[in-house]
Amino acid sequence: MRKVAITTIDNPYDPFTQFDEWYAYDEISGYHSCSLLARFANTSIDLNAEETNTLIEDAIDRIVNLNGLGNYRKLIKEE
């Protein structure tokens, strides 16, 4: 299964394996990436995991493409 995550170019932590540290760095730095992603991804509890992952990946792609400063990037992990 393919997993995706959003991060910033300066965050030294891996959101897949070091989420607590990644999240703390992201919040302290003022990015609030999880909140941003939530605004872009229209997920619902009525969707299955595959549908939710697709919406999240589409939202990450939009954020990265609209990001004029270039500080956001998409990470991909194949499981």
PDB file of N, CA and C in Angstrom:
ATOM      1  N   MET A   1       0.838  -1.176   0.000  1.00  0.00           N
ATOM      2  CA  MET A   1       0.000   0.000   0.000  1.00  0.00           C
ATOM      3  C   MET A   1       0.884   1.240   0.000  1.00  0.00           C
ATOM      4  N   ARG A   2       0.466   2.210  -0.740  1.00  0.00           N
ATOM      5  CA  ARG A   2       1.204   3.472  -0.865  1.00  0.00           C
ATOM      6  C   ARG A   2       0.697   4.459   0.179  1.00  0.00           C
ATOM      7  N   LYS A   3       1.627   5.067   0.918  1.00  0.00           N
ATOM      8  CA  LYS A   3       1.283   6.105   1.884  1.00  0.00           C
ATOM      9  C   LYS A   3       1.975   7.395   1.466  1.00  0.00           C
ATOM     10  N   VAL A   4       1.331   8.506   1.724  1.00  0.00           N
ATOM     11  CA  VAL A   4       1.917   9.810   1.425  1.00  0.00           C
ATOM     12  C   VAL A   4       1.823  10.689   2.664  1.00  0.00           C
ATOM     13  N   ALA A   5       2.706  11.660   2.728  1.00  0.00           N
ATOM     14  CA  ALA A   5       2.700  12.626   3.826  1.00  0.00           C
ATOM     15  C   ALA A   5       3.194  13.955   3.294  1.00  0.00           C
ATOM     16  N   ILE A   6       2.822  15.005   3.991  1.00  0.00           N
ATOM     17  CA  ILE A   6       3.322  16.328   3.663  1.00  0.00           C
ATOM     18  C   ILE A   6       4.360  16.702   4.714  1.00  0.00           C
ATOM     19  N   THR A   7       5.373  17.430   4.278  1.00  0.00           N
ATOM     20  CA  THR A   7       6.385  17.926   5.203  1.00  0.00           C
ATOM     21  C   THR A   7       6.954  19.209   4.628  1.00  0.00           C
ATOM     22  N   THR A   8       7.865  19.798   5.349  1.00  0.00           N
ATOM     23  CA  THR A   8       8.548  20.996   4.875  1.00  0.00           C
ATOM     24  C   THR A   8      10.017  20.666   4.658  1.00  0.00           C
ATOM     25  N   ILE A   9      10.664  21.462   3.836  1.00  0.00           N
ATOM     26  CA  ILE A   9      12.045  21.151   3.463  1.00  0.00           C
ATOM     27  C   ILE A   9      13.010  21.247   4.639  1.00  0.00           C
ATOM     28  N   ASP A  10      12.632  21.980   5.691  1.00  0.00           N
ATOM     29  CA  ASP A  10      13.545  22.145   6.822  1.00  0.00           C
ATOM     30  C   ASP A  10      13.239  21.237   8.007  1.00  0.00           C
ATOM     31  N   ASN A  11      12.184  20.439   7.929  1.00  0.00           N
ATOM     32  CA  ASN A  11      11.834  19.565   9.051  1.00  0.00           C
ATOM     33  C   ASN A  11      12.713  18.316   8.991  1.00  0.00           C
ATOM     34  N   PRO A  12      13.544  18.103  10.015  1.00  0.00           N
ATOM     35  CA  PRO A  12      14.484  16.970   9.976  1.00  0.00           C
ATOM     36  C   PRO A  12      13.862  15.621  10.337  1.00  0.00           C
ATOM     37  N   TYR A  13      12.605  15.611  10.732  1.00  0.00           N
ATOM     38  CA  TYR A  13      11.979  14.379  11.202  1.00  0.00           C
ATOM     39  C   TYR A  13      11.116  13.733  10.123  1.00  0.00           C
ATOM     40  N   ASP A  14      10.987  12.415  10.213  1.00  0.00           N
ATOM     41  CA  ASP A  14      10.195  11.632   9.268  1.00  0.00           C
ATOM     42  C   ASP A  14       8.768  11.511   9.798  1.00  0.00           C
ATOM     43  N   PRO A  15       7.779  12.045   9.095  1.00  0.00           N
ATOM     44  CA  PRO A  15       6.412  11.963   9.602  1.00  0.00           C
ATOM     45  C   PRO A  15       5.859  10.539   9.652  1.00  0.00           C
ATOM     46  N   PHE A  16       6.475   9.610   8.942  1.00  0.00           N
ATOM     47  CA  PHE A  16       6.026   8.223   8.964  1.00  0.00           C
ATOM     48  C   PHE A  16       6.514   7.496  10.221  1.00  0.00           C
ATOM     49  N   THR A  17       7.735   7.771  10.649  1.00  0.00           N
ATOM     50  CA  THR A  17       8.336   7.017  11.754  1.00  0.00           C
ATOM     51  C   THR A  17       8.602   7.856  13.004  1.00  0.00           C
ATOM     52  N   GLN A  18       8.582   9.178  12.875  1.00  0.00           N
ATOM     53  CA  GLN A  18       8.865  10.064  14.004  1.00  0.00           C
ATOM     54  C   GLN A  18       7.782  11.146  14.085  1.00  0.00           C
ATOM     55  N   PHE A  19       6.529  10.705  14.055  1.00  0.00           N
ATOM     56  CA  PHE A  19       5.448  11.674  13.921  1.00  0.00           C
ATOM     57  C   PHE A  19       5.416  12.695  15.054  1.00  0.00           C
ATOM     58  N   ASP A  20       5.581  12.263  16.292  1.00  0.00           N
ATOM     59  CA  ASP A  20       5.504  13.208  17.417  1.00  0.00           C
ATOM     60  C   ASP A  20       6.556  14.311  17.287  1.00  0.00           C
ATOM     61  N   GLU A  21       7.784  13.929  16.955  1.00  0.00           N
ATOM     62  CA  GLU A  21       8.856  14.908  16.782  1.00  0.00           C
ATOM     63  C   GLU A  21       8.597  15.787  15.561  1.00  0.00           C
ATOM     64  N   TRP A  22       8.145  15.143  14.467  1.00  0.00           N
ATOM     65  CA  TRP A  22       7.831  15.889  13.246  1.00  0.00           C
ATOM     66  C   TRP A  22       6.750  16.919  13.520  1.00  0.00           C
ATOM     67  N   TYR A  23       5.687  16.496  14.212  1.00  0.00           N
ATOM     68  CA  TYR A  23       4.562  17.379  14.503  1.00  0.00           C
ATOM     69  C   TYR A  23       4.991  18.544  15.394  1.00  0.00           C
ATOM     70  N   ALA A  24       5.775  18.265  16.422  1.00  0.00           N
ATOM     71  CA  ALA A  24       6.237  19.320  17.324  1.00  0.00           C
ATOM     72  C   ALA A  24       7.061  20.351  16.562  1.00  0.00           C
ATOM     73  N   TYR A  25       7.976  19.893  15.714  1.00  0.00           N
ATOM     74  CA  TYR A  25       8.791  20.815  14.920  1.00  0.00           C
ATOM     75  C   TYR A  25       7.907  21.641  13.989  1.00  0.00           C
ATOM     76  N   ASP A  26       6.952  20.995  13.352  1.00  0.00           N
ATOM     77  CA  ASP A  26       6.056  21.660  12.410  1.00  0.00           C
ATOM     78  C   ASP A  26       5.235  22.747  13.106  1.00  0.00           C
ATOM     79  N   GLU A  27       4.704  22.451  14.267  1.00  0.00           N
ATOM     80  CA  GLU A  27       3.888  23.415  15.005  1.00  0.00           C
ATOM     81  C   GLU A  27       4.740  24.570  15.542  1.00  0.00           C
ATOM     82  N   ILE A  28       5.881  24.253  16.125  1.00  0.00           N
ATOM     83  CA  ILE A  28       6.765  25.300  16.669  1.00  0.00           C
ATOM     84  C   ILE A  28       7.241  26.234  15.560  1.00  0.00           C
ATOM     85  N   SER A  29       7.442  25.689  14.375  1.00  0.00           N
ATOM     86  CA  SER A  29       7.907  26.484  13.237  1.00  0.00           C
ATOM     87  C   SER A  29       6.784  27.305  12.607  1.00  0.00           C
ATOM     88  N   GLY A  30       5.559  27.074  13.026  1.00  0.00           N
ATOM     89  CA  GLY A  30       4.440  27.856  12.532  1.00  0.00           C
ATOM     90  C   GLY A  30       3.840  27.381  11.224  1.00  0.00           C
ATOM     91  N   TYR A  31       4.196  26.180  10.778  1.00  0.00           N
ATOM     92  CA  TYR A  31       3.643  25.676   9.513  1.00  0.00           C
ATOM     93  C   TYR A  31       2.212  25.166   9.668  1.00  0.00           C
ATOM     94  N   HIS A  32       1.959  24.426  10.740  1.00  0.00           N
ATOM     95  CA  HIS A  32       0.637  23.856  10.999  1.00  0.00           C
ATOM     96  C   HIS A  32       0.157  23.034   9.796  1.00  0.00           C
ATOM     97  N   SER A  33       1.041  22.161   9.327  1.00  0.00           N
ATOM     98  CA  SER A  33       0.787  21.370   8.117  1.00  0.00           C
ATOM     99  C   SER A  33      -0.437  20.470   8.236  1.00  0.00           C
ATOM    100  N   CYS A  34      -0.674  19.898   9.402  1.00  0.00           N
ATOM    101  CA  CYS A  34      -1.843  19.030   9.564  1.00  0.00           C
ATOM    102  C   CYS A  34      -3.133  19.824   9.410  1.00  0.00           C
ATOM    103  N   SER A  35      -3.171  21.009   9.963  1.00  0.00           N
ATOM    104  CA  SER A  35      -4.353  21.863   9.823  1.00  0.00           C
ATOM    105  C   SER A  35      -4.544  22.295   8.376  1.00  0.00           C
ATOM    106  N   LEU A  36      -3.450  22.637   7.721  1.00  0.00           N
ATOM    107  CA  LEU A  36      -3.512  23.016   6.308  1.00  0.00           C
ATOM    108  C   LEU A  36      -4.044  21.858   5.473  1.00  0.00           C
ATOM    109  N   LEU A  37      -3.522  20.685   5.718  1.00  0.00           N
ATOM    110  CA  LEU A  37      -3.965  19.503   4.976  1.00  0.00           C
ATOM    111  C   LEU A  37      -5.450  19.226   5.226  1.00  0.00           C
ATOM    112  N   ALA A  38      -5.892  19.402   6.448  1.00  0.00           N
ATOM    113  CA  ALA A  38      -7.301  19.180   6.770  1.00  0.00           C
ATOM    114  C   ALA A  38      -8.208  20.146   6.010  1.00  0.00           C
ATOM    115  N   ARG A  39      -7.737  21.360   5.776  1.00  0.00           N
ATOM    116  CA  ARG A  39      -8.539  22.329   5.019  1.00  0.00           C
ATOM    117  C   ARG A  39      -8.625  21.963   3.537  1.00  0.00           C
ATOM    118  N   PHE A  40      -7.604  21.314   3.009  1.00  0.00           N
ATOM    119  CA  PHE A  40      -7.575  20.957   1.592  1.00  0.00           C
ATOM    120  C   PHE A  40      -8.214  19.603   1.303  1.00  0.00           C
ATOM    121  N   ALA A  41      -8.181  18.674   2.241  1.00  0.00           N
ATOM    122  CA  ALA A  41      -8.688  17.312   2.022  1.00  0.00           C
ATOM    123  C   ALA A  41     -10.104  17.190   2.576  1.00  0.00           C
ATOM    124  N   ASN A  42     -11.044  16.926   1.720  1.00  0.00           N
ATOM    125  CA  ASN A  42     -12.441  16.775   2.138  1.00  0.00           C
ATOM    126  C   ASN A  42     -12.744  15.319   2.428  1.00  0.00           C
ATOM    127  N   THR A  43     -12.197  14.823   3.528  1.00  0.00           N
ATOM    128  CA  THR A  43     -12.399  13.428   3.895  1.00  0.00           C
ATOM    129  C   THR A  43     -13.674  13.276   4.708  1.00  0.00           C
ATOM    130  N   SER A  44     -14.077  12.032   4.896  1.00  0.00           N
ATOM    131  CA  SER A  44     -15.293  11.728   5.634  1.00  0.00           C
ATOM    132  C   SER A  44     -15.148  10.349   6.252  1.00  0.00           C
ATOM    133  N   ILE A  45     -15.832  10.148   7.369  1.00  0.00           N
ATOM    134  CA  ILE A  45     -15.803   8.815   7.989  1.00  0.00           C
ATOM    135  C   ILE A  45     -16.551   7.787   7.139  1.00  0.00           C
ATOM    136  N   ASP A  46     -17.309   8.254   6.174  1.00  0.00           N
ATOM    137  CA  ASP A  46     -18.059   7.357   5.296  1.00  0.00           C
ATOM    138  C   ASP A  46     -17.207   6.770   4.171  1.00  0.00           C
ATOM    139  N   LEU A  47     -15.960   7.238   4.033  1.00  0.00           N
ATOM    140  CA  LEU A  47     -15.083   6.763   2.968  1.00  0.00           C
ATOM    141  C   LEU A  47     -14.223   5.612   3.476  1.00  0.00           C
ATOM    142  N   ASN A  48     -13.830   4.735   2.550  1.00  0.00           N
ATOM    143  CA  ASN A  48     -12.919   3.664   2.936  1.00  0.00           C
ATOM    144  C   ASN A  48     -11.480   4.192   2.914  1.00  0.00           C
ATOM    145  N   ALA A  49     -10.548   3.377   3.349  1.00  0.00           N
ATOM    146  CA  ALA A  49      -9.152   3.808   3.472  1.00  0.00           C
ATOM    147  C   ALA A  49      -8.556   4.230   2.134  1.00  0.00           C
ATOM    148  N   GLU A  50      -8.863   3.504   1.080  1.00  0.00           N
ATOM    149  CA  GLU A  50      -8.322   3.832  -0.240  1.00  0.00           C
ATOM    150  C   GLU A  50      -8.829   5.187  -0.731  1.00  0.00           C
ATOM    151  N   GLU A  51     -10.115   5.430  -0.558  1.00  0.00           N
ATOM    152  CA  GLU A  51     -10.684   6.712  -0.964  1.00  0.00           C
ATOM    153  C   GLU A  51     -10.099   7.868  -0.149  1.00  0.00           C
ATOM    154  N   THR A  52      -9.944   7.654   1.142  1.00  0.00           N
ATOM    155  CA  THR A  52      -9.366   8.676   2.012  1.00  0.00           C
ATOM    156  C   THR A  52      -7.932   8.974   1.615  1.00  0.00           C
ATOM    157  N   ASN A  53      -7.142   7.933   1.360  1.00  0.00           N
ATOM    158  CA  ASN A  53      -5.752   8.129   0.948  1.00  0.00           C
ATOM    159  C   ASN A  53      -5.660   8.901  -0.362  1.00  0.00           C
ATOM    160  N   THR A  54      -6.567   8.618  -1.291  1.00  0.00           N
ATOM    161  CA  THR A  54      -6.580   9.333  -2.563  1.00  0.00           C
ATOM    162  C   THR A  54      -6.870  10.819  -2.350  1.00  0.00           C
ATOM    163  N   LEU A  55      -7.853  11.126  -1.521  1.00  0.00           N
ATOM    164  CA  LEU A  55      -8.178  12.528  -1.237  1.00  0.00           C
ATOM    165  C   LEU A  55      -7.017  13.246  -0.553  1.00  0.00           C
ATOM    166  N   ILE A  56      -6.355  12.557   0.366  1.00  0.00           N
ATOM    167  CA  ILE A  56      -5.211  13.161   1.060  1.00  0.00           C
ATOM    168  C   ILE A  56      -4.070  13.400   0.090  1.00  0.00           C
ATOM    169  N   GLU A  57      -3.793  12.440  -0.778  1.00  0.00           N
ATOM    170  CA  GLU A  57      -2.716  12.636  -1.748  1.00  0.00           C
ATOM    171  C   GLU A  57      -3.036  13.777  -2.709  1.00  0.00           C
ATOM    172  N   ASP A  58      -4.269  13.865  -3.159  1.00  0.00           N
ATOM    173  CA  ASP A  58      -4.674  14.963  -4.039  1.00  0.00           C
ATOM    174  C   ASP A  58      -4.512  16.315  -3.333  1.00  0.00           C
ATOM    175  N   ALA A  59      -4.874  16.363  -2.063  1.00  0.00           N
ATOM    176  CA  ALA A  59      -4.728  17.605  -1.293  1.00  0.00           C
ATOM    177  C   ALA A  59      -3.258  17.983  -1.138  1.00  0.00           C
ATOM    178  N   ILE A  60      -2.409  17.013  -0.865  1.00  0.00           N
ATOM    179  CA  ILE A  60      -0.967  17.284  -0.750  1.00  0.00           C
ATOM    180  C   ILE A  60      -0.426  17.801  -2.075  1.00  0.00           C
ATOM    181  N   ASP A  61      -0.841  17.186  -3.170  1.00  0.00           N
ATOM    182  CA  ASP A  61      -0.392  17.649  -4.488  1.00  0.00           C
ATOM    183  C   ASP A  61      -0.800  19.100  -4.736  1.00  0.00           C
ATOM    184  N   ARG A  62      -2.025  19.449  -4.360  1.00  0.00           N
ATOM    185  CA  ARG A  62      -2.470  20.837  -4.538  1.00  0.00           C
ATOM    186  C   ARG A  62      -1.661  21.803  -3.682  1.00  0.00           C
ATOM    187  N   ILE A  63      -1.409  21.428  -2.426  1.00  0.00           N
ATOM    188  CA  ILE A  63      -0.628  22.290  -1.538  1.00  0.00           C
ATOM    189  C   ILE A  63       0.767  22.505  -2.098  1.00  0.00           C
ATOM    190  N   VAL A  64       1.405  21.443  -2.528  1.00  0.00           N
ATOM    191  CA  VAL A  64       2.763  21.538  -3.079  1.00  0.00           C
ATOM    192  C   VAL A  64       2.769  22.398  -4.339  1.00  0.00           C
ATOM    193  N   ASN A  65       1.787  22.220  -5.201  1.00  0.00           N
ATOM    194  CA  ASN A  65       1.729  22.985  -6.449  1.00  0.00           C
ATOM    195  C   ASN A  65       1.399  24.454  -6.237  1.00  0.00           C
ATOM    196  N   LEU A  66       0.610  24.761  -5.220  1.00  0.00           N
ATOM    197  CA  LEU A  66       0.237  26.148  -4.948  1.00  0.00           C
ATOM    198  C   LEU A  66       1.248  26.877  -4.062  1.00  0.00           C
ATOM    199  N   ASN A  67       2.199  26.157  -3.543  1.00  0.00           N
ATOM    200  CA  ASN A  67       3.152  26.692  -2.581  1.00  0.00           C
ATOM    201  C   ASN A  67       4.204  27.557  -3.270  1.00  0.00           C
ATOM    202  N   GLY A  68       4.017  28.854  -3.249  1.00  0.00           N
ATOM    203  CA  GLY A  68       4.932  29.773  -3.918  1.00  0.00           C
ATOM    204  C   GLY A  68       6.324  29.826  -3.314  1.00  0.00           C
ATOM    205  N   LEU A  69       6.451  29.560  -2.022  1.00  0.00           N
ATOM    206  CA  LEU A  69       7.761  29.604  -1.368  1.00  0.00           C
ATOM    207  C   LEU A  69       8.566  28.323  -1.573  1.00  0.00           C
ATOM    208  N   GLY A  70       7.894  27.255  -1.962  1.00  0.00           N
ATOM    209  CA  GLY A  70       8.586  25.994  -2.205  1.00  0.00           C
ATOM    210  C   GLY A  70       9.015  25.257  -0.956  1.00  0.00           C
ATOM    211  N   ASN A  71       8.414  25.568   0.184  1.00  0.00           N
ATOM    212  CA  ASN A  71       8.855  24.922   1.418  1.00  0.00           C
ATOM    213  C   ASN A  71       8.117  23.618   1.730  1.00  0.00           C
ATOM    214  N   TYR A  72       7.013  23.335   1.048  1.00  0.00           N
ATOM    215  CA  TYR A  72       6.312  22.067   1.267  1.00  0.00           C
ATOM    216  C   TYR A  72       6.754  21.032   0.244  1.00  0.00           C
ATOM    217  N   ARG A  73       6.759  19.766   0.690  1.00  0.00           N
ATOM    218  CA  ARG A  73       7.040  18.674  -0.227  1.00  0.00           C
ATOM    219  C   ARG A  73       6.247  17.449   0.159  1.00  0.00           C
ATOM    220  N   LYS A  74       6.104  16.576  -0.800  1.00  0.00           N
ATOM    221  CA  LYS A  74       5.338  15.335  -0.612  1.00  0.00           C
ATOM    222  C   LYS A  74       6.306  14.176  -0.426  1.00  0.00           C
ATOM    223  N   LEU A  75       6.038  13.366   0.589  1.00  0.00           N
ATOM    224  CA  LEU A  75       6.815  12.158   0.809  1.00  0.00           C
ATOM    225  C   LEU A  75       5.952  10.954   0.437  1.00  0.00           C
ATOM    226  N   ILE A  76       6.590   9.950  -0.146  1.00  0.00           N
ATOM    227  CA  ILE A  76       5.876   8.722  -0.550  1.00  0.00           C
ATOM    228  C   ILE A  76       6.581   7.538   0.081  1.00  0.00           C
ATOM    229  N   LYS A  77       5.770   6.636   0.637  1.00  0.00           N
ATOM    230  CA  LYS A  77       6.296   5.418   1.237  1.00  0.00           C
ATOM    231  C   LYS A  77       5.477   4.245   0.734  1.00  0.00           C
ATOM    232  N   GLU A  78       6.149   3.289   0.139  1.00  0.00           N
ATOM    233  CA  GLU A  78       5.488   2.073  -0.338  1.00  0.00           C
ATOM    234  C   GLU A  78       5.607   1.002   0.745  1.00  0.00           C
ATOM    235  N   GLU A  79       4.485   0.374   1.045  1.00  0.00           N
ATOM    236  CA  GLU A  79       4.496  -0.696   2.057  1.00  0.00           C
ATOM    237  C   GLU A  79       4.094  -2.003   1.435  1.00  0.00           C
TER     238      GLU A  79
END
